Amino acid sequence: MLEACCSALERQVKQYPGRIHIWIVDDGSRRVSALEPIYRRFEALPGWTVLRHERNRGKRRAQDSAFRLGTGDYVVTVDSDTTLETKCIIRLVDGMERNPKAGAISGQVTARNAAANRLTALIDRRYEFLFQQESAAQSWHRTVTCCSGPVSIYRRRVLEGIWNSYVEDRFRGRLRQFGDDLKLTLLVLEEAYDSLYWPSAKGLTIVPETLLGYARQQVRWNKSFYRELPRTHHALRVHLSWRFLELQRARYLGRRSRYLGWSGAHRYIRFELVARALVPLLPQVLLAASAWFALAGRGVVHLLPLMAMIAVMLLHALVIGLQARSWTFPLLYGPLHLVVLALVRLRALATLADSRWGTRGPPDAGDPAHAVTAVKPGPSPRSQPASERAVPRACWPRSRCPCARTACSRGGAP
């Protein structure tokens, strides 16, 4: 996997018109002897650096080692089990150049091992829905709540202001070992920058091939989701405040703004968060209650709630089948969603305080993490006039700042 990842990055370097520096971080891998030939091969190339940790320190510390040594305008994160498709980095940088107020952009991820078995095929199709519908809808509001770890790009000057908060993030006094992508995206939104989805930048990643591995992965993801719910609300509130100011400024200057008004901005995102938090458990509860009501009573009236629930579920399966252009996906993924993922949600809520990885103990000691620094030729954004730069870093006046209840460390007038 690592050699395929590095080979794909080597092709990206040849395609990109500017400078790219590749950082490979070995975070205390247990298979270092098998990986050394790969390290030596790519370390000999110009613009490649291999960093080795003596012990496993976690993904954030691995990224930190590369980030503090880089100097590029953009930072692209790539997992070691991911291969980037043709011109992926070019398209990510192009997305940044077209959207100067974007602090993070997520690419599209599909399963490289989709043909391994029926489960990987279902996960691949689920990823298709996740990116092409959910992430695309969030991107329309310019607030993608989680940029994908396998392939995403960040603006370095945005990361410089939030990096320590990201690396030293703790939950109940312990350093967090997962949920890195979600946390970093929320910090970008809190800086009043946009987060987008760029469908033309694609990458292939390895997905779990067993039901147990998939369940463990989903437990980690759901823990991160529930842990970060308050932070997500706060990030949306700060981002909404800046978009409101953007709209008011555009109206005052007689210009058109791409952002929605105060009453419409982020309404969909908030609705989606509530749905993601409650809906995965709601159908099971309603179905069980309807079945009990039908068994406890007599007559057709008592069967109506159960029949209504079954009709709604079949209608939903019909819509998913039409969108997926396949009837096997809703028939197979439906039971997986109703049974396995419901148990996963309950497990995540029950073990919310447990920060262990779930497979190898705390931090992941598997393949290395990657951090790619890309520099576009031409003038740096830092050299541009202040009027042409992205959203300013200043915040509201301290007395009105939505970032904190008492005072804002950033301060200043917008």
Protein backbone atom coordinates (compact mmCIF):
# COMPACT_ATOMS: atom_id res chain seq x y z
CA MET A 1 0.00 0.00 0.00
CA LEU A 2 2.75 2.45 0.94
CA GLU A 3 4.69 1.91 -2.28
CA ALA A 4 1.53 2.45 -4.37
CA CYS A 5 0.79 5.63 -2.40
CA CYS A 6 4.31 7.01 -2.92
CA SER A 7 4.30 6.08 -6.61
CA ALA A 8 1.05 7.99 -7.07
CA LEU A 9 2.56 11.00 -5.28
CA GLU A 10 5.60 10.80 -7.53
CA ARG A 11 3.31 11.13 -10.54
CA GLN A 12 1.62 14.12 -8.89
CA VAL A 13 5.03 15.82 -8.55
CA LYS A 14 5.69 15.37 -12.29
CA GLN A 15 2.25 16.76 -13.21
CA TYR A 16 2.26 19.77 -10.89
CA PRO A 17 3.75 22.93 -12.44
CA GLY A 18 5.08 24.29 -9.15
CA ARG A 19 7.18 22.93 -6.30
CA ILE A 20 5.96 20.08 -4.12
CA HIS A 21 7.71 18.69 -1.08
CA ILE A 22 6.66 15.24 0.10
CA TRP A 23 6.99 14.39 3.78
CA ILE A 24 6.70 10.72 4.77
CA VAL A 25 6.38 10.22 8.52
CA ASP A 26 7.05 6.78 10.01
CA ASP A 27 5.19 6.97 13.29
CA GLY A 28 6.95 4.12 15.06
CA SER A 29 5.83 1.47 12.58
CA ARG A 30 6.21 -2.14 13.70
CA ARG A 31 7.16 -3.18 10.15
CA VAL A 32 10.00 -0.71 9.70
CA SER A 33 12.39 -3.33 8.30
CA ALA A 34 9.95 -4.12 5.48
CA LEU A 35 9.36 -0.42 4.80
CA GLU A 36 13.01 0.68 4.75
CA PRO A 37 13.58 -0.25 1.05
CA ILE A 38 10.61 1.96 0.13
CA TYR A 39 11.93 4.78 2.29
CA ARG A 40 15.40 4.62 0.74
CA ARG A 41 13.98 4.58 -2.79
CA PHE A 42 11.84 7.68 -2.42
CA GLU A 43 14.08 9.54 0.02
CA ALA A 44 16.71 9.66 -2.73
CA LEU A 45 14.36 11.69 -4.93
CA PRO A 46 14.60 15.51 -4.84
CA GLY A 47 11.88 17.08 -2.73
CA TRP A 48 11.24 13.97 -0.62
CA THR A 49 11.93 13.67 3.11
CA VAL A 50 11.37 10.71 5.43
CA LEU A 51 10.87 11.44 9.12
CA ARG A 52 11.11 8.58 11.63
CA HIS A 53 9.59 8.50 15.10
CA GLU A 54 11.21 6.09 17.53
CA ARG A 55 7.84 5.33 19.08
CA ASN A 56 4.25 5.65 18.01
CA ARG A 57 2.91 9.13 18.87
CA GLY A 58 -0.36 9.29 16.91
CA LYS A 59 -1.42 10.80 13.61
CA ARG A 60 -1.52 14.39 14.82
CA ARG A 61 2.06 14.24 16.11
CA ALA A 62 3.15 12.69 12.81
CA GLN A 63 1.50 15.52 10.89
CA ASP A 64 3.02 18.03 13.30
CA SER A 65 6.56 16.81 12.55
CA ALA A 66 6.07 17.51 8.84
CA PHE A 67 4.01 20.67 9.19
CA ARG A 68 6.61 22.52 11.24
CA LEU A 69 9.30 21.82 8.64
CA GLY A 70 7.23 22.80 5.59
CA THR A 71 7.05 26.24 4.02
CA GLY A 72 4.50 25.90 1.22
CA ASP A 73 1.33 27.92 0.77
CA TYR A 74 -0.86 24.80 0.88
CA VAL A 75 -0.76 21.57 2.84
CA VAL A 76 -2.26 18.38 1.39
CA THR A 77 -2.86 15.45 3.73
CA VAL A 78 -2.71 11.92 2.33
CA ASP A 79 -3.07 8.64 4.24
CA SER A 80 -0.56 5.90 3.52
CA ASP A 81 -3.27 3.54 2.21
CA THR A 82 -4.49 6.12 -0.33
CA THR A 83 -3.49 6.56 -3.98
CA LEU A 84 -4.25 9.86 -5.68
CA GLU A 85 -5.67 9.87 -9.19
CA THR A 86 -4.28 11.91 -12.08
CA LYS A 87 -3.88 15.66 -11.44
CA CYS A 88 -5.49 15.42 -8.01
CA ILE A 89 -3.18 17.97 -6.38
CA ILE A 90 -3.46 20.31 -9.38
CA ARG A 91 -7.24 20.30 -9.00
CA LEU A 92 -7.10 20.82 -5.24
CA VAL A 93 -4.79 23.82 -5.62
CA ASP A 94 -7.01 25.12 -8.42
CA GLY A 95 -9.96 24.94 -6.01
CA MET A 96 -8.02 27.00 -3.48
CA GLU A 97 -7.04 29.59 -6.08
CA ARG A 98 -10.63 29.94 -7.26
CA ASN A 99 -11.93 30.33 -3.69
CA PRO A 100 -9.64 32.69 -1.75
CA LYS A 101 -11.92 32.46 1.29
CA ALA A 102 -11.62 28.68 1.46
CA GLY A 103 -9.44 27.37 4.27
CA ALA A 104 -9.96 23.67 3.50
CA ILE A 105 -11.11 21.62 0.53
CA SER A 106 -11.92 17.91 0.55
CA GLY A 107 -11.46 15.63 -2.42
CA GLN A 108 -13.61 12.62 -3.28
CA VAL A 109 -12.65 9.20 -1.92
CA THR A 110 -13.64 5.79 -3.26
CA ALA A 111 -12.72 2.27 -2.18
CA ARG A 112 -9.66 0.83 -3.87
CA ASN A 113 -10.59 -2.67 -2.73
CA ALA A 114 -14.28 -2.39 -3.68
CA ALA A 115 -14.13 -5.72 -5.52
CA ALA A 116 -12.78 -7.65 -2.51
CA ASN A 117 -16.19 -8.77 -1.23
CA ARG A 118 -19.80 -7.69 -0.88
CA LEU A 119 -19.10 -5.52 2.19
CA THR A 120 -16.40 -3.44 0.48
CA ALA A 121 -18.71 -2.95 -2.50
CA LEU A 122 -21.42 -1.62 -0.17
CA ILE A 123 -18.95 0.71 1.57
CA ASP A 124 -17.76 2.00 -1.81
CA ARG A 125 -21.33 2.79 -2.82
CA ARG A 126 -21.92 4.42 0.57
CA TYR A 127 -18.85 6.63 0.00
CA GLU A 128 -20.35 7.64 -3.33
CA PHE A 129 -23.50 8.85 -1.58
CA LEU A 130 -21.48 10.47 1.20
CA PHE A 131 -19.40 12.64 -1.09
CA GLN A 132 -21.61 13.25 -4.12
CA GLN A 133 -24.71 14.09 -2.09
CA GLU A 134 -23.96 14.90 1.56
CA SER A 135 -20.60 16.64 1.10
CA ALA A 136 -21.81 18.33 -2.09
CA ALA A 137 -24.85 19.72 -0.26
CA GLN A 138 -22.68 20.99 2.59
CA SER A 139 -20.26 22.51 0.12
CA TRP A 140 -23.09 24.52 -1.45
CA HIS A 141 -23.40 26.18 1.97
CA ARG A 142 -19.58 26.41 2.05
CA THR A 143 -19.45 24.49 5.33
CA VAL A 144 -18.28 20.91 4.80
CA THR A 145 -18.13 19.76 8.40
CA CYS A 146 -15.44 17.10 7.85
CA CYS A 147 -12.80 17.23 5.12
CA SER A 148 -11.65 13.73 4.25
CA GLY A 149 -8.37 12.58 5.79
CA PRO A 150 -7.23 10.50 2.78
CA VAL A 151 -7.15 13.56 0.50
CA SER A 152 -7.71 17.18 1.57
CA ILE A 153 -5.92 20.49 1.13
CA TYR A 154 -5.55 23.29 3.66
CA ARG A 155 -4.29 26.85 3.45
CA ARG A 156 -1.11 27.06 5.48
CA ARG A 157 -1.70 30.54 6.88
CA VAL A 158 -5.01 29.29 8.30
CA LEU A 159 -3.38 26.25 9.87
CA GLU A 160 -0.65 28.35 11.46
CA GLY A 161 -3.22 30.03 13.71
CA ILE A 162 -4.96 26.83 14.82
CA TRP A 163 -2.21 24.22 14.69
CA ASN A 164 -1.34 24.12 18.39
CA SER A 165 -5.02 23.76 19.29
CA TYR A 166 -5.28 20.88 16.84
CA VAL A 167 -2.18 18.99 17.99
CA GLU A 168 -2.76 19.50 21.73
CA ASP A 169 -6.51 18.80 21.61
CA ARG A 170 -7.67 16.75 24.59
CA PHE A 171 -10.82 15.02 25.72
CA ARG A 172 -11.25 14.66 29.48
CA GLY A 173 -7.56 15.37 29.98
CA ARG A 174 -6.25 12.87 27.42
CA LEU A 175 -4.88 13.56 23.96
CA ARG A 176 -7.37 12.57 21.28
CA GLN A 177 -6.32 9.62 19.12
CA PHE A 178 -8.96 9.82 16.40
CA GLY A 179 -11.36 12.30 14.83
CA ASP A 180 -8.46 14.31 13.39
CA ASP A 181 -10.17 15.26 10.12
CA LEU A 182 -13.34 16.46 11.82
CA LYS A 183 -11.46 18.49 14.42
CA LEU A 184 -9.19 20.23 11.90
CA THR A 185 -12.12 21.15 9.66
CA LEU A 186 -14.09 22.64 12.56
CA LEU A 187 -11.08 24.72 13.60
CA VAL A 188 -10.88 26.08 10.05
CA LEU A 189 -14.57 27.03 10.17
CA GLU A 190 -14.04 28.74 13.52
CA GLU A 191 -11.46 30.96 11.81
CA ALA A 192 -14.28 32.16 9.53
CA TYR A 193 -12.90 30.40 6.46
CA ASP A 194 -14.98 28.21 4.16
CA SER A 195 -14.61 24.44 3.74
CA LEU A 196 -15.56 22.98 0.37
CA TYR A 197 -15.84 19.70 -1.56
CA TRP A 198 -14.01 19.37 -4.90
CA PRO A 199 -15.36 16.33 -6.82
CA SER A 200 -12.71 16.36 -9.56
CA ALA A 201 -9.90 15.68 -7.03
CA LYS A 202 -10.15 11.95 -6.44
CA GLY A 203 -8.33 9.36 -4.37
CA LEU A 204 -8.64 5.62 -3.73
CA THR A 205 -8.35 4.25 -0.21
CA ILE A 206 -8.52 0.87 1.50
CA VAL A 207 -11.77 0.16 3.38
CA PRO A 208 -12.39 -2.59 5.98
CA GLU A 209 -12.98 -6.01 4.48
CA THR A 210 -14.56 -7.61 7.54
CA LEU A 211 -17.70 -6.71 9.44
CA LEU A 212 -15.77 -6.48 12.72
CA GLY A 213 -13.20 -4.10 11.22
CA TYR A 214 -15.97 -1.97 9.73
CA ALA A 215 -17.81 -1.85 13.08
CA ARG A 216 -14.66 -0.74 14.91
CA GLN A 217 -14.05 1.98 12.35
CA GLN A 218 -17.62 3.22 12.69
CA VAL A 219 -17.37 3.26 16.50
CA ARG A 220 -14.38 5.62 16.27
CA TRP A 221 -16.11 7.85 13.73
CA ASN A 222 -19.32 8.02 15.75
CA LYS A 223 -17.43 8.79 18.95
CA SER A 224 -15.77 11.70 17.20
CA PHE A 225 -19.10 12.90 15.84
CA TYR A 226 -20.82 12.95 19.24
CA ARG A 227 -17.79 14.38 21.03
CA GLU A 228 -17.55 17.26 18.58
CA LEU A 229 -21.27 18.11 18.42
CA PRO A 230 -20.92 21.16 20.74
CA ARG A 231 -17.83 22.26 18.83
CA THR A 232 -19.64 21.83 15.53
CA HIS A 233 -22.45 24.07 16.72
CA HIS A 234 -19.92 26.67 17.84
CA ALA A 235 -18.02 26.52 14.53
CA LEU A 236 -21.23 26.99 12.55
CA ARG A 237 -22.20 29.91 14.76
CA VAL A 238 -18.88 31.69 14.18
CA HIS A 239 -18.95 30.97 10.46
CA LEU A 240 -22.55 32.15 10.22
CA SER A 241 -21.66 35.40 11.97
CA TRP A 242 -19.02 36.18 9.38
CA ARG A 243 -21.31 35.26 6.51
CA PHE A 244 -23.93 37.61 7.94
CA LEU A 245 -21.36 40.39 7.97
CA GLU A 246 -20.38 39.49 4.42
CA LEU A 247 -24.00 39.77 3.31
CA GLN A 248 -24.53 43.07 5.09
CA ARG A 249 -21.34 44.51 3.63
CA ALA A 250 -22.35 43.39 0.14
CA ARG A 251 -25.79 44.98 0.53
CA TYR A 252 -24.26 48.21 1.79
CA LEU A 253 -21.89 48.36 -1.19
CA GLY A 254 -24.66 47.39 -3.62
CA ARG A 255 -23.03 44.09 -4.58
CA ARG A 256 -24.41 40.60 -4.91
CA SER A 257 -23.30 37.99 -2.39
CA ARG A 258 -23.16 34.26 -2.91
CA TYR A 259 -24.12 33.62 0.71
CA LEU A 260 -27.60 33.15 2.02
CA GLY A 261 -29.22 35.61 4.36
CA TRP A 262 -29.33 35.38 8.14
CA SER A 263 -32.50 33.29 8.18
CA GLY A 264 -31.32 30.76 5.57
CA ALA A 265 -27.60 30.30 6.13
CA HIS A 266 -26.63 26.97 7.66
CA ARG A 267 -30.23 25.94 8.20
CA TYR A 268 -29.61 22.78 6.18
CA ILE A 269 -26.34 22.04 8.00
CA ARG A 270 -28.00 22.28 11.40
CA PHE A 271 -30.90 20.13 10.24
CA GLU A 272 -28.44 17.53 8.93
CA LEU A 273 -26.55 17.45 12.23
CA VAL A 274 -29.76 16.78 14.14
CA ALA A 275 -30.73 14.10 11.65
CA ARG A 276 -27.34 12.40 11.87
CA ALA A 277 -27.50 12.43 15.66
CA LEU A 278 -31.06 11.10 16.06
CA VAL A 279 -32.31 9.41 12.88
CA PRO A 280 -29.95 6.39 12.91
CA LEU A 281 -31.64 5.22 16.14
CA LEU A 282 -35.14 6.55 15.49
CA PRO A 283 -36.37 3.97 12.89
CA GLN A 284 -35.53 1.05 15.16
CA VAL A 285 -37.42 2.60 18.08
CA LEU A 286 -40.47 3.43 15.97
CA LEU A 287 -40.46 0.02 14.30
CA ALA A 288 -40.24 -1.78 17.65
CA ALA A 289 -43.00 0.40 19.13
CA SER A 290 -45.24 -0.18 16.12
CA ALA A 291 -44.68 -3.96 16.27
CA TRP A 292 -45.48 -4.02 19.99
CA PHE A 293 -48.62 -1.93 19.42
CA ALA A 294 -49.74 -4.33 16.68
CA LEU A 295 -49.12 -7.45 18.78
CA ALA A 296 -50.69 -6.03 21.95
CA GLY A 297 -53.90 -4.91 20.30
CA ARG A 298 -56.58 -6.39 18.10
CA GLY A 299 -58.04 -5.24 14.85
CA VAL A 300 -56.74 -3.48 11.78
CA VAL A 301 -56.35 -0.15 13.58
CA HIS A 302 -53.51 -1.51 15.67
CA LEU A 303 -51.69 -2.64 12.51
CA LEU A 304 -51.74 0.80 10.90
CA PRO A 305 -48.61 2.21 12.63
CA LEU A 306 -46.59 -0.89 11.69
CA MET A 307 -47.86 -0.81 8.12
CA ALA A 308 -47.06 2.91 7.89
CA MET A 309 -43.49 2.32 9.13
CA ILE A 310 -42.95 -0.49 6.62
CA ALA A 311 -44.34 1.67 3.81
CA VAL A 312 -42.01 4.56 4.70
CA MET A 313 -38.99 2.25 4.82
CA LEU A 314 -39.89 0.69 1.46
CA LEU A 315 -40.37 4.16 -0.05
CA HIS A 316 -36.98 5.21 1.26
CA ALA A 317 -35.42 2.05 -0.18
CA LEU A 318 -37.08 2.81 -3.52
CA VAL A 319 -35.60 6.32 -3.61
CA ILE A 320 -32.12 5.03 -2.67
CA GLY A 321 -32.39 2.31 -5.29
CA LEU A 322 -33.27 4.84 -7.99
CA GLN A 323 -30.40 7.11 -6.98
CA ALA A 324 -27.91 4.24 -6.80
CA ARG A 325 -29.24 2.68 -10.01
CA SER A 326 -29.11 -0.63 -8.17
CA TRP A 327 -31.68 -2.52 -6.10
CA THR A 328 -29.08 -4.68 -4.35
CA PHE A 329 -27.62 -1.70 -2.49
CA PRO A 330 -30.75 -0.72 -0.46
CA LEU A 331 -31.65 -4.39 0.10
CA LEU A 332 -28.21 -5.21 1.52
CA TYR A 333 -27.17 -1.91 3.10
CA GLY A 334 -30.60 -1.39 4.67
CA PRO A 335 -30.28 -4.27 7.19
CA LEU A 336 -26.66 -3.26 7.82
CA HIS A 337 -27.81 0.27 8.64
CA LEU A 338 -30.77 -0.81 10.78
CA VAL A 339 -28.95 -3.45 12.81
CA VAL A 340 -25.15 -3.10 12.77
CA LEU A 341 -24.85 0.68 12.63
CA ALA A 342 -27.55 1.10 15.28
CA LEU A 343 -25.53 -1.11 17.64
CA VAL A 344 -22.41 0.83 16.67
CA ARG A 345 -24.09 4.11 17.68
CA LEU A 346 -25.09 2.67 21.04
CA ARG A 347 -21.58 1.32 21.55
CA ALA A 348 -20.05 4.69 20.69
CA LEU A 349 -22.34 6.52 23.13
CA ALA A 350 -21.68 3.97 25.88
CA THR A 351 -17.88 4.24 25.48
CA LEU A 352 -17.69 7.93 24.65
CA ALA A 353 -14.97 8.54 27.25
CA ASP A 354 -12.80 5.67 25.97
CA SER A 355 -10.06 7.09 23.72
CA ARG A 356 -8.49 3.77 22.76
CA TRP A 357 -8.16 3.08 19.04
CA GLY A 358 -10.11 -0.18 19.25
CA THR A 359 -7.77 -2.46 17.30
CA ARG A 360 -4.18 -2.04 18.46
CA GLY A 361 -4.56 0.06 21.56
CA PRO A 362 -3.75 3.76 21.60
CA PRO A 363 -2.36 5.49 18.79
CA ASP A 364 -2.30 3.66 15.52
CA ALA A 365 1.04 1.95 14.97
CA GLY A 366 0.41 0.93 11.40
CA ASP A 367 1.67 2.44 8.17
CA PRO A 368 3.11 5.98 8.12
CA ALA A 369 1.09 9.11 7.71
CA HIS A 370 1.81 11.56 4.90
CA ALA A 371 1.85 15.32 4.66
CA VAL A 372 2.35 16.92 1.26
CA THR A 373 3.27 20.58 0.93
CA ALA A 374 2.39 22.11 -2.44
CA VAL A 375 3.56 25.52 -3.65
CA LYS A 376 1.97 27.17 -6.66
CA PRO A 377 4.32 29.25 -8.84
CA GLY A 378 3.77 32.98 -8.85
CA PRO A 379 3.27 35.55 -6.07
CA SER A 380 2.50 34.23 -2.62
CA PRO A 381 -0.85 35.21 -1.08
CA ARG A 382 1.16 36.79 1.75
CA SER A 383 2.53 39.35 -0.74
CA GLN A 384 -0.91 40.41 -1.95
CA PRO A 385 -2.45 43.70 -0.81
CA ALA A 386 -4.65 43.48 2.24
CA SER A 387 -7.74 44.27 0.18
CA GLU A 388 -7.17 41.16 -2.00
CA ARG A 389 -6.58 38.69 0.79
CA ALA A 390 -9.13 36.22 2.13
CA VAL A 391 -11.43 36.81 5.09
CA PRO A 392 -9.56 38.87 7.72
CA ARG A 393 -8.48 37.17 10.91
CA ALA A 394 -10.02 39.80 13.19
CA CYS A 395 -13.21 38.98 15.01
CA TRP A 396 -16.14 40.87 16.45
CA PRO A 397 -15.67 43.44 19.18
CA ARG A 398 -15.05 41.61 22.42
CA SER A 399 -18.39 42.64 23.87
CA ARG A 400 -20.28 41.04 20.93
CA CYS A 401 -17.92 38.23 20.02
CA PRO A 402 -19.71 34.88 19.38
CA CYS A 403 -16.46 32.95 19.92
CA ALA A 404 -16.70 32.98 23.72
CA ARG A 405 -19.08 34.03 26.45
CA THR A 406 -16.71 36.51 28.08
CA ALA A 407 -13.98 37.63 25.71
CA CYS A 408 -12.36 36.69 22.45
CA SER A 409 -8.60 36.25 22.25
CA ARG A 410 -8.61 37.55 18.71
CA GLY A 411 -10.59 40.70 19.44
CA GLY A 412 -10.83 43.72 17.18
CA ALA A 413 -13.57 45.04 14.94
CA PRO A 414 -14.52 43.21 11.75
